[in-house]
Structure formats: structure tokens, C-alpha cells
Amino acid sequence: MDREISLSVKRKRIRKKLLLSGIIGLSIMIFVITISQFMKDSISLRAVDIGEVDRGSIEITIAASGKWSPLMEE
């Protein structure tokens, strides 16, 4: 017949499971904190130049040479 498991063995198993789950939880927390530290912004605000923007038209001149012809003729 089967024997009943003693109370001390049951407690050891419970402690072992709690210790293992605690170690796993702590490892996950350390991993998340480490990853979040790497994902922070690495550029300081002082390194960014900020200026005012004026509204107006943009004019661009392109110098080229050659023959100009339309894409399609009717």
C-alpha cells in the first residue's frame, strides 16, 4: 500500500516551489528593468537645436542642359 507523505517533505516541496517561482519572478523583473534602461532616449535636450519656422514659398532653381520634349503627344 501507499504511505502518506510526511509533513516535513510536503513543506520542503512547497518551499522549493516558492523559491523557484521567486527566482523566476526576480529574473523577469531584472530583465524588464534592464531592457527599459536600454530603450530610454539617449540624446539630451541640450544637443538638439530648436529654432523658429517662417512661412513662405520655396523657390528652387535647377540648372540643366539638353533637349526637352513632352512625355505624350496628341
C-alpha atoms as a PDB file:
ATOM      1  CA  MET A   1       0.000   0.000   0.000  1.00  0.00           C
ATOM      2  CA  ASP A   2       0.978   3.623  -0.381  1.00  0.00           C
ATOM      3  CA  ARG A   3       2.269   5.578   2.554  1.00  0.00           C
ATOM      4  CA  GLU A   4       1.263   9.102   3.419  1.00  0.00           C
ATOM      5  CA  ILE A   5       3.869  11.747   2.627  1.00  0.00           C
ATOM      6  CA  SER A   6       5.247  13.277   5.780  1.00  0.00           C
ATOM      7  CA  LEU A   7       4.561  16.897   6.637  1.00  0.00           C
ATOM      8  CA  SER A   8       8.259  17.847   6.512  1.00  0.00           C
ATOM      9  CA  VAL A   9       8.590  16.514   2.948  1.00  0.00           C
ATOM     10  CA  LYS A  10       5.475  18.458   1.907  1.00  0.00           C
ATOM     11  CA  ARG A  11       6.893  21.651   3.414  1.00  0.00           C
ATOM     12  CA  LYS A  12      10.233  21.137   1.653  1.00  0.00           C
ATOM     13  CA  ARG A  13       8.436  20.751  -1.683  1.00  0.00           C
ATOM     14  CA  ILE A  14       6.369  23.888  -1.077  1.00  0.00           C
ATOM     15  CA  ARG A  15       9.484  25.870  -0.092  1.00  0.00           C
ATOM     16  CA  LYS A  16      11.292  24.613  -3.176  1.00  0.00           C
ATOM     17  CA  LYS A  17       8.407  25.668  -5.459  1.00  0.00           C
ATOM     18  CA  LEU A  18       8.144  29.087  -3.798  1.00  0.00           C
ATOM     19  CA  LEU A  19      11.893  29.631  -4.048  1.00  0.00           C
ATOM     20  CA  LEU A  20      11.920  28.624  -7.715  1.00  0.00           C
ATOM     21  CA  SER A  21       8.972  30.871  -8.594  1.00  0.00           C
ATOM     22  CA  GLY A  22      10.587  33.740  -6.660  1.00  0.00           C
ATOM     23  CA  ILE A  23      13.849  33.333  -8.560  1.00  0.00           C
ATOM     24  CA  ILE A  24      11.981  33.244 -11.873  1.00  0.00           C
ATOM     25  CA  GLY A  25       9.939  36.328 -10.939  1.00  0.00           C
ATOM     26  CA  LEU A  26      13.044  38.219  -9.848  1.00  0.00           C
ATOM     27  CA  SER A  27      14.836  37.258 -13.070  1.00  0.00           C
ATOM     28  CA  ILE A  28      11.910  38.536 -15.153  1.00  0.00           C
ATOM     29  CA  MET A  29      11.859  41.826 -13.217  1.00  0.00           C
ATOM     30  CA  ILE A  30      15.605  42.315 -13.693  1.00  0.00           C
ATOM     31  CA  PHE A  31      15.252  41.555 -17.414  1.00  0.00           C
ATOM     32  CA  VAL A  32      12.410  44.067 -17.855  1.00  0.00           C
ATOM     33  CA  ILE A  33      14.279  46.790 -15.949  1.00  0.00           C
ATOM     34  CA  THR A  34      17.441  46.188 -17.978  1.00  0.00           C
ATOM     35  CA  ILE A  35      15.569  46.331 -21.287  1.00  0.00           C
ATOM     36  CA  SER A  36      13.738  49.506 -20.254  1.00  0.00           C
ATOM     37  CA  GLN A  37      17.077  51.159 -19.417  1.00  0.00           C
ATOM     38  CA  PHE A  38      18.389  50.376 -22.908  1.00  0.00           C
ATOM     39  CA  MET A  39      15.236  51.732 -24.566  1.00  0.00           C
ATOM     40  CA  LYS A  40      15.440  55.182 -22.937  1.00  0.00           C
ATOM     41  CA  ASP A  41      16.241  58.229 -25.049  1.00  0.00           C
ATOM     42  CA  SER A  42      19.971  58.634 -25.363  1.00  0.00           C
ATOM     43  CA  ILE A  43      20.017  62.197 -26.773  1.00  0.00           C
ATOM     44  CA  SER A  44      19.992  65.028 -24.298  1.00  0.00           C
ATOM     45  CA  LEU A  45      17.742  68.011 -24.899  1.00  0.00           C
ATOM     46  CA  ARG A  46      20.767  70.333 -24.958  1.00  0.00           C
ATOM     47  CA  ALA A  47      22.124  68.523 -28.028  1.00  0.00           C
ATOM     48  CA  VAL A  48      19.003  69.372 -30.065  1.00  0.00           C
ATOM     49  CA  ASP A  49      18.867  72.711 -31.912  1.00  0.00           C
ATOM     50  CA  ILE A  50      15.463  74.381 -31.793  1.00  0.00           C
ATOM     51  CA  GLY A  51      14.583  77.379 -33.954  1.00  0.00           C
ATOM     52  CA  GLU A  52      11.663  79.377 -35.305  1.00  0.00           C
ATOM     53  CA  VAL A  53       9.996  78.498 -38.584  1.00  0.00           C
ATOM     54  CA  ASP A  54       8.902  81.161 -41.074  1.00  0.00           C
ATOM     55  CA  ARG A  55       6.098  80.546 -43.546  1.00  0.00           C
ATOM     56  CA  GLY A  56       6.771  81.357 -47.173  1.00  0.00           C
ATOM     57  CA  SER A  57       7.155  79.927 -50.610  1.00  0.00           C
ATOM     58  CA  ILE A  58      10.045  77.704 -51.545  1.00  0.00           C
ATOM     59  CA  GLU A  59      11.801  78.506 -54.802  1.00  0.00           C
ATOM     60  CA  ILE A  60      14.215  76.075 -56.345  1.00  0.00           C
ATOM     61  CA  THR A  61      16.234  76.657 -59.491  1.00  0.00           C
ATOM     62  CA  ILE A  62      17.698  73.715 -61.349  1.00  0.00           C
ATOM     63  CA  ALA A  63      20.406  74.215 -63.964  1.00  0.00           C
ATOM     64  CA  ALA A  64      20.365  71.639 -66.743  1.00  0.00           C
ATOM     65  CA  SER A  65      21.098  71.304 -70.426  1.00  0.00           C
ATOM     66  CA  GLY A  66      19.612  69.067 -73.088  1.00  0.00           C
ATOM     67  CA  LYS A  67      16.505  68.650 -75.179  1.00  0.00           C
ATOM     68  CA  TRP A  68      13.098  68.929 -73.545  1.00  0.00           C
ATOM     69  CA  SER A  69      10.156  67.026 -75.023  1.00  0.00           C
ATOM     70  CA  PRO A  70       6.704  66.102 -73.712  1.00  0.00           C
ATOM     71  CA  LEU A  71       6.031  62.606 -72.494  1.00  0.00           C
ATOM     72  CA  MET A  72       2.974  62.133 -74.743  1.00  0.00           C
ATOM     73  CA  GLU A  73       1.843  63.948 -77.901  1.00  0.00           C
ATOM     74  CA  GLU A  74      -1.696  64.143 -79.248  1.00  0.00           C
END
